N, C-alpha and C. Protein backbone atom coordinates (compact mmCIF):
# COMPACT_ATOMS: atom_id res chain seq x y z
N UNK A 1 0.84 -1.18 0.00
CA UNK A 1 0.00 0.00 0.00
C UNK A 1 0.88 1.24 0.00
N UNK A 2 0.63 2.14 -0.89
CA UNK A 2 1.36 3.38 -0.97
C UNK A 2 0.77 4.37 0.03
N UNK A 3 1.62 4.93 0.88
CA UNK A 3 1.18 5.88 1.89
C UNK A 3 1.55 7.27 1.39
N UNK A 4 0.56 8.13 1.26
CA UNK A 4 0.80 9.48 0.77
C UNK A 4 0.31 10.50 1.78
N UNK A 5 1.16 11.48 2.05
CA UNK A 5 0.81 12.55 2.96
C UNK A 5 1.01 13.89 2.27
N UNK A 6 0.11 14.83 2.55
CA UNK A 6 0.35 16.21 2.13
C UNK A 6 1.45 16.75 3.04
N UNK A 7 1.97 17.91 2.70
CA UNK A 7 3.03 18.50 3.52
C UNK A 7 2.55 18.73 4.95
N UNK A 8 1.36 19.25 5.12
CA UNK A 8 0.82 19.52 6.47
C UNK A 8 0.57 18.22 7.22
N UNK A 9 0.03 17.21 6.53
CA UNK A 9 -0.18 15.91 7.17
C UNK A 9 1.14 15.33 7.64
N UNK A 10 2.16 15.47 6.81
CA UNK A 10 3.48 14.96 7.18
C UNK A 10 4.04 15.69 8.40
N UNK A 11 3.80 16.99 8.50
CA UNK A 11 4.23 17.75 9.68
C UNK A 11 3.60 17.15 10.95
N UNK A 12 2.32 16.87 10.88
CA UNK A 12 1.60 16.32 12.03
C UNK A 12 2.08 14.91 12.34
N UNK A 13 2.24 14.09 11.30
CA UNK A 13 2.73 12.73 11.52
C UNK A 13 4.12 12.74 12.14
N UNK A 14 4.96 13.68 11.73
CA UNK A 14 6.32 13.77 12.29
C UNK A 14 6.26 14.01 13.79
N UNK A 15 5.32 14.83 14.24
CA UNK A 15 5.16 15.06 15.68
C UNK A 15 4.76 13.75 16.37
N UNK A 16 3.82 13.03 15.80
CA UNK A 16 3.38 11.77 16.40
C UNK A 16 4.50 10.74 16.42
N UNK A 17 5.30 10.68 15.36
CA UNK A 17 6.41 9.74 15.34
C UNK A 17 7.48 10.11 16.37
N UNK A 18 7.74 11.40 16.51
CA UNK A 18 8.77 11.85 17.44
C UNK A 18 8.32 11.77 18.89
N UNK A 19 7.12 12.23 19.17
CA UNK A 19 6.65 12.39 20.55
C UNK A 19 5.74 11.27 21.03
N UNK A 20 5.25 10.46 20.10
CA UNK A 20 4.30 9.43 20.49
C UNK A 20 2.90 10.01 20.61
N UNK A 21 1.98 9.26 21.21
CA UNK A 21 0.60 9.71 21.31
C UNK A 21 0.50 11.12 21.89
N UNK A 22 -0.28 11.96 21.21
CA UNK A 22 -0.36 13.38 21.56
C UNK A 22 -1.76 13.91 21.33
N UNK A 23 -2.11 14.94 22.08
CA UNK A 23 -3.38 15.64 21.86
C UNK A 23 -3.18 16.67 20.76
N UNK A 24 -4.28 17.19 20.25
CA UNK A 24 -4.20 18.23 19.22
C UNK A 24 -3.44 19.44 19.75
N UNK A 25 -3.66 19.80 21.01
CA UNK A 25 -2.96 20.94 21.60
C UNK A 25 -1.45 20.70 21.66
N UNK A 26 -1.06 19.47 22.01
CA UNK A 26 0.37 19.14 22.08
C UNK A 26 1.00 19.16 20.68
N UNK A 27 0.27 18.68 19.70
CA UNK A 27 0.77 18.70 18.32
C UNK A 27 0.92 20.14 17.85
N UNK A 28 -0.10 20.93 18.10
CA UNK A 28 -0.04 22.34 17.70
C UNK A 28 1.16 23.04 18.32
N UNK A 29 1.41 22.80 19.59
CA UNK A 29 2.54 23.43 20.28
C UNK A 29 3.88 22.97 19.70
N UNK A 30 3.94 21.75 19.19
CA UNK A 30 5.19 21.21 18.65
C UNK A 30 5.50 21.71 17.24
N UNK A 31 4.49 22.21 16.53
CA UNK A 31 4.70 22.69 15.17
C UNK A 31 5.31 24.09 15.20
N UNK A 32 6.11 24.39 14.19
CA UNK A 32 6.89 25.63 14.15
C UNK A 32 6.16 26.82 13.55
N UNK A 33 4.90 26.69 13.25
CA UNK A 33 4.22 27.81 12.61
C UNK A 33 2.92 28.14 13.34
N UNK A 34 2.18 29.08 12.80
CA UNK A 34 0.96 29.57 13.45
C UNK A 34 -0.29 28.83 12.99
N UNK A 35 -0.27 27.53 13.05
CA UNK A 35 -1.43 26.74 12.68
C UNK A 35 -2.46 26.84 13.83
N UNK A 36 -3.73 26.91 13.47
CA UNK A 36 -4.76 27.02 14.51
C UNK A 36 -5.10 25.64 15.07
N UNK A 37 -5.66 25.66 16.26
CA UNK A 37 -6.09 24.42 16.91
C UNK A 37 -7.12 23.70 16.04
N UNK A 38 -8.07 24.45 15.47
CA UNK A 38 -9.09 23.84 14.62
C UNK A 38 -8.50 23.19 13.37
N UNK A 39 -7.45 23.81 12.81
CA UNK A 39 -6.80 23.22 11.64
C UNK A 39 -6.13 21.90 12.01
N UNK A 40 -5.47 21.87 13.16
CA UNK A 40 -4.84 20.62 13.62
C UNK A 40 -5.91 19.54 13.79
N UNK A 41 -7.03 19.90 14.43
CA UNK A 41 -8.11 18.93 14.61
C UNK A 41 -8.65 18.43 13.28
N UNK A 42 -8.81 19.33 12.31
CA UNK A 42 -9.31 18.94 10.99
C UNK A 42 -8.33 18.00 10.30
N UNK A 43 -7.04 18.33 10.37
CA UNK A 43 -6.02 17.47 9.75
C UNK A 43 -5.97 16.10 10.43
N UNK A 44 -6.11 16.07 11.74
CA UNK A 44 -6.14 14.79 12.46
C UNK A 44 -7.37 13.97 12.06
N UNK A 45 -8.49 14.64 11.85
CA UNK A 45 -9.70 13.97 11.40
C UNK A 45 -9.49 13.35 10.01
N UNK A 46 -8.86 14.10 9.13
CA UNK A 46 -8.56 13.59 7.78
C UNK A 46 -7.61 12.40 7.87
N UNK A 47 -6.58 12.52 8.68
CA UNK A 47 -5.62 11.42 8.84
C UNK A 47 -6.31 10.19 9.43
N UNK A 48 -7.26 10.41 10.31
CA UNK A 48 -7.99 9.29 10.89
C UNK A 48 -8.88 8.63 9.85
N UNK A 49 -9.55 9.43 9.02
CA UNK A 49 -10.38 8.89 7.94
C UNK A 49 -9.56 8.05 6.97
N UNK A 50 -8.34 8.47 6.72
CA UNK A 50 -7.45 7.73 5.81
C UNK A 50 -6.86 6.48 6.46
N UNK A 51 -7.05 6.33 7.77
CA UNK A 51 -6.52 5.16 8.46
C UNK A 51 -5.07 5.30 8.88
N UNK A 52 -4.57 6.53 8.92
CA UNK A 52 -3.17 6.75 9.28
C UNK A 52 -2.96 7.02 10.77
N UNK A 53 -4.01 7.49 11.45
CA UNK A 53 -3.96 7.70 12.90
C UNK A 53 -5.26 7.23 13.51
N UNK A 54 -5.25 7.02 14.81
CA UNK A 54 -6.49 6.80 15.55
C UNK A 54 -6.34 7.46 16.91
N UNK A 55 -7.45 7.55 17.61
CA UNK A 55 -7.39 8.24 18.90
C UNK A 55 -8.07 7.43 19.99
N UNK A 56 -7.71 7.78 21.21
CA UNK A 56 -8.41 7.28 22.39
C UNK A 56 -8.87 8.51 23.16
N UNK A 57 -10.01 8.41 23.78
CA UNK A 57 -10.51 9.54 24.56
C UNK A 57 -9.75 9.63 25.87
N UNK A 58 -9.41 10.84 26.21
CA UNK A 58 -8.68 11.10 27.45
C UNK A 58 -9.31 12.33 28.10
N UNK A 59 -10.29 12.09 28.92
CA UNK A 59 -11.05 13.22 29.46
C UNK A 59 -11.83 13.87 28.35
N UNK A 60 -11.69 15.19 28.23
CA UNK A 60 -12.38 15.92 27.17
C UNK A 60 -11.56 15.95 25.88
N UNK A 61 -10.32 15.54 25.96
CA UNK A 61 -9.43 15.58 24.79
C UNK A 61 -9.32 14.19 24.16
N UNK A 62 -8.79 14.16 22.97
CA UNK A 62 -8.45 12.90 22.30
C UNK A 62 -6.95 12.83 22.18
N UNK A 63 -6.40 11.66 22.44
CA UNK A 63 -4.96 11.44 22.27
C UNK A 63 -4.79 10.60 21.01
N UNK A 64 -4.08 11.18 20.03
CA UNK A 64 -3.88 10.54 18.72
C UNK A 64 -2.55 9.81 18.67
N UNK A 65 -2.55 8.70 17.97
CA UNK A 65 -1.29 7.98 17.73
C UNK A 65 -1.25 7.49 16.28
N UNK A 66 -0.03 7.39 15.79
CA UNK A 66 0.19 6.99 14.39
C UNK A 66 -0.09 5.50 14.21
N UNK A 67 -0.73 5.17 13.11
CA UNK A 67 -0.93 3.77 12.72
C UNK A 67 0.02 3.38 11.59
N UNK A 68 0.64 4.37 11.00
CA UNK A 68 1.58 4.15 9.90
C UNK A 68 2.99 4.38 10.43
N UNK A 69 3.88 3.45 10.19
CA UNK A 69 5.26 3.59 10.63
C UNK A 69 5.97 4.64 9.78
N UNK A 70 6.90 5.33 10.39
CA UNK A 70 7.70 6.34 9.68
C UNK A 70 8.39 5.72 8.48
N UNK A 71 8.87 4.50 8.62
CA UNK A 71 9.60 3.83 7.53
C UNK A 71 8.71 3.62 6.31
N UNK A 72 7.45 3.26 6.53
CA UNK A 72 6.52 3.07 5.41
C UNK A 72 6.29 4.38 4.68
N UNK A 73 6.14 5.46 5.42
CA UNK A 73 5.95 6.77 4.80
C UNK A 73 7.21 7.20 4.07
N UNK A 74 8.36 6.93 4.67
CA UNK A 74 9.63 7.30 4.05
C UNK A 74 9.87 6.56 2.75
N UNK A 75 9.55 5.28 2.74
CA UNK A 75 9.72 4.48 1.53
C UNK A 75 8.83 5.01 0.41
N UNK A 76 7.59 5.31 0.74
CA UNK A 76 6.67 5.84 -0.25
C UNK A 76 7.13 7.21 -0.76
N UNK A 77 7.58 8.06 0.15
CA UNK A 77 8.04 9.39 -0.24
C UNK A 77 9.28 9.29 -1.12
N UNK A 78 10.18 8.37 -0.78
CA UNK A 78 11.39 8.20 -1.58
C UNK A 78 11.03 7.75 -3.00
N UNK A 79 10.12 6.80 -3.10
CA UNK A 79 9.69 6.32 -4.42
C UNK A 79 9.09 7.46 -5.23
N UNK A 80 8.24 8.28 -4.60
CA UNK A 80 7.65 9.43 -5.30
C UNK A 80 8.72 10.41 -5.74
N UNK A 81 9.71 10.67 -4.88
CA UNK A 81 10.80 11.58 -5.21
C UNK A 81 11.57 11.08 -6.43
N UNK A 82 11.93 9.81 -6.41
CA UNK A 82 12.68 9.23 -7.54
C UNK A 82 11.84 9.30 -8.81
N UNK A 83 10.58 8.94 -8.72
CA UNK A 83 9.71 8.94 -9.90
C UNK A 83 9.51 10.35 -10.46
N UNK A 84 9.23 11.31 -9.58
CA UNK A 84 8.89 12.66 -10.04
C UNK A 84 10.10 13.51 -10.39
N UNK A 85 11.14 13.44 -9.60
CA UNK A 85 12.29 14.34 -9.80
C UNK A 85 13.40 13.73 -10.65
N UNK A 86 13.47 12.39 -10.69
CA UNK A 86 14.57 11.74 -11.39
C UNK A 86 14.10 10.72 -12.40
N UNK A 87 12.88 10.90 -12.90
CA UNK A 87 12.31 10.05 -13.95
C UNK A 87 12.42 8.56 -13.63
N UNK A 88 12.25 8.22 -12.36
CA UNK A 88 12.28 6.82 -11.96
C UNK A 88 13.66 6.23 -11.79
N UNK A 89 14.70 7.05 -11.90
CA UNK A 89 16.07 6.54 -11.84
C UNK A 89 16.70 6.82 -10.47
N UNK A 90 16.83 5.75 -9.65
CA UNK A 90 17.52 5.89 -8.37
C UNK A 90 19.00 6.22 -8.62
N UNK A 91 19.53 5.73 -9.73
CA UNK A 91 20.92 6.04 -10.10
C UNK A 91 21.09 7.55 -10.28
N UNK A 92 20.14 8.19 -10.93
CA UNK A 92 20.22 9.64 -11.13
C UNK A 92 20.16 10.38 -9.80
N UNK A 93 19.35 9.89 -8.87
CA UNK A 93 19.28 10.50 -7.54
C UNK A 93 20.62 10.37 -6.83
N UNK A 94 21.18 9.19 -6.82
CA UNK A 94 22.47 8.97 -6.16
C UNK A 94 23.56 9.80 -6.81
N UNK A 95 23.56 9.85 -8.12
CA UNK A 95 24.55 10.67 -8.85
C UNK A 95 24.41 12.13 -8.48
N UNK A 96 23.19 12.60 -8.36
CA UNK A 96 22.95 13.99 -7.97
C UNK A 96 23.59 14.28 -6.61
N UNK A 97 23.36 13.42 -5.63
CA UNK A 97 23.94 13.66 -4.31
C UNK A 97 25.45 13.62 -4.33
N UNK A 98 26.00 12.68 -5.07
CA UNK A 98 27.47 12.59 -5.14
C UNK A 98 28.05 13.83 -5.81
N UNK A 99 27.46 14.25 -6.93
CA UNK A 99 27.99 15.40 -7.66
C UNK A 99 27.78 16.71 -6.91
N UNK A 100 26.72 16.81 -6.15
CA UNK A 100 26.45 18.04 -5.42
C UNK A 100 27.22 18.10 -4.10
N UNK A 101 27.96 17.03 -3.81
CA UNK A 101 28.78 16.95 -2.59
C UNK A 101 27.96 17.13 -1.33
N UNK A 102 26.83 16.53 -1.33
CA UNK A 102 25.97 16.60 -0.15
C UNK A 102 26.30 15.48 0.84
N UNK A 103 27.19 14.59 0.49
CA UNK A 103 27.59 13.49 1.35
C UNK A 103 29.02 13.71 1.82
N UNK A 104 29.27 13.43 3.09
CA UNK A 104 30.64 13.52 3.62
C UNK A 104 31.44 12.33 3.12
N UNK A 105 32.72 12.39 3.30
CA UNK A 105 33.58 11.27 2.90
C UNK A 105 33.16 9.99 3.62
N UNK A 106 32.86 10.10 4.91
CA UNK A 106 32.44 8.92 5.68
C UNK A 106 31.13 8.36 5.14
N UNK A 107 30.21 9.24 4.78
CA UNK A 107 28.94 8.79 4.22
C UNK A 107 29.17 8.11 2.87
N UNK A 108 30.04 8.70 2.05
CA UNK A 108 30.35 8.09 0.76
C UNK A 108 30.97 6.71 0.93
N UNK A 109 31.82 6.55 1.92
CA UNK A 109 32.44 5.24 2.17
C UNK A 109 31.40 4.22 2.62
N UNK A 110 30.44 4.65 3.44
CA UNK A 110 29.36 3.74 3.85
C UNK A 110 28.51 3.35 2.65
N UNK A 111 28.19 4.32 1.79
CA UNK A 111 27.42 4.03 0.59
C UNK A 111 28.19 3.06 -0.30
N UNK A 112 29.48 3.27 -0.44
CA UNK A 112 30.31 2.37 -1.26
C UNK A 112 30.24 0.94 -0.71
N UNK A 113 30.32 0.79 0.60
CA UNK A 113 30.23 -0.56 1.19
C UNK A 113 28.87 -1.19 0.90
N UNK A 114 27.81 -0.41 1.02
CA UNK A 114 26.47 -0.92 0.73
C UNK A 114 26.36 -1.34 -0.73
N UNK A 115 26.89 -0.49 -1.62
CA UNK A 115 26.85 -0.82 -3.05
C UNK A 115 27.67 -2.07 -3.35
N UNK A 116 28.85 -2.18 -2.74
CA UNK A 116 29.68 -3.36 -2.95
C UNK A 116 28.96 -4.63 -2.49
N UNK A 117 28.30 -4.56 -1.34
CA UNK A 117 27.55 -5.72 -0.85
C UNK A 117 26.39 -6.06 -1.79
N UNK A 118 25.72 -5.04 -2.29
CA UNK A 118 24.60 -5.27 -3.20
C UNK A 118 25.08 -5.89 -4.51
N UNK A 119 26.20 -5.41 -5.03
CA UNK A 119 26.75 -5.94 -6.27
C UNK A 119 27.11 -7.41 -6.09
N UNK A 120 27.71 -7.76 -4.97
CA UNK A 120 28.07 -9.16 -4.70
C UNK A 120 26.84 -10.05 -4.61
N UNK A 121 25.74 -9.51 -4.12
CA UNK A 121 24.51 -10.29 -3.93
C UNK A 121 23.69 -10.45 -5.21
N UNK A 122 23.90 -9.59 -6.20
CA UNK A 122 23.11 -9.63 -7.44
C UNK A 122 23.65 -10.69 -8.38
N UNK A 123 22.75 -11.36 -9.10
CA UNK A 123 23.21 -12.29 -10.14
C UNK A 123 23.90 -11.51 -11.26
N UNK A 124 24.82 -12.14 -11.99
CA UNK A 124 25.56 -11.42 -13.02
C UNK A 124 24.72 -10.87 -14.15
N UNK A 125 23.58 -11.49 -14.47
CA UNK A 125 22.71 -10.99 -15.53
C UNK A 125 21.38 -10.60 -14.93
N UNK A 126 20.97 -9.37 -15.19
CA UNK A 126 19.70 -8.87 -14.66
C UNK A 126 18.91 -8.25 -15.78
N UNK A 127 17.66 -7.99 -15.52
CA UNK A 127 16.83 -7.27 -16.47
C UNK A 127 16.83 -5.81 -16.07
N UNK A 128 17.06 -4.95 -17.05
CA UNK A 128 17.00 -3.51 -16.82
C UNK A 128 15.54 -3.11 -16.68
N UNK A 129 15.30 -1.89 -16.25
CA UNK A 129 13.94 -1.38 -16.08
C UNK A 129 13.13 -1.49 -17.37
N UNK A 130 13.78 -1.33 -18.52
CA UNK A 130 13.06 -1.35 -19.79
C UNK A 130 12.87 -2.77 -20.33
N UNK A 131 13.29 -3.80 -19.55
CA UNK A 131 13.08 -5.18 -19.96
C UNK A 131 14.24 -5.78 -20.73
N UNK A 132 15.22 -4.97 -21.12
CA UNK A 132 16.37 -5.51 -21.83
C UNK A 132 17.29 -6.20 -20.84
N UNK A 133 18.09 -7.13 -21.35
CA UNK A 133 19.02 -7.83 -20.47
C UNK A 133 20.30 -7.02 -20.35
N UNK A 134 20.85 -7.03 -19.16
CA UNK A 134 22.14 -6.37 -18.95
C UNK A 134 23.02 -7.30 -18.15
N UNK A 135 24.32 -7.16 -18.32
CA UNK A 135 25.27 -8.04 -17.65
C UNK A 135 26.05 -7.24 -16.63
N UNK A 136 26.41 -7.93 -15.53
CA UNK A 136 27.23 -7.31 -14.52
C UNK A 136 26.61 -6.10 -13.86
N UNK A 137 25.30 -5.99 -13.90
CA UNK A 137 24.61 -4.90 -13.25
C UNK A 137 24.72 -3.57 -14.00
N UNK A 138 25.22 -3.59 -15.25
CA UNK A 138 25.33 -2.35 -16.03
C UNK A 138 24.42 -2.41 -17.24
N UNK A 139 23.94 -1.25 -17.66
CA UNK A 139 23.09 -1.23 -18.86
C UNK A 139 23.89 -0.91 -20.07
């Protein structure tokens, strides 16, 4: 299942992931902008309708908690980013980060180790995204 959040929904989910179960007032206080209490309640209602959060009654307030793991949302967001910004090419995304020098040397070395492990685990002949055969993991 693809999990999609608007920017505002993602702001609210981030509070729930970081702080755990929270009331609308607690979420509002944790956000960095001037969002109204009613807007937070409306967004929580939408998130609840989508099945991404649920609440338990706590006195007069409701305490909301996330039903969607941060990792599931991150995976979906990453896929959308690759599809929309890099025409479906994870290679283009990785190349962008390397060329823009957004990774430290230590990060690049960790990525290299991950890539080396992945290359060792892949069979020598694979199918490219377009269905053509490629050898050694290259197109």
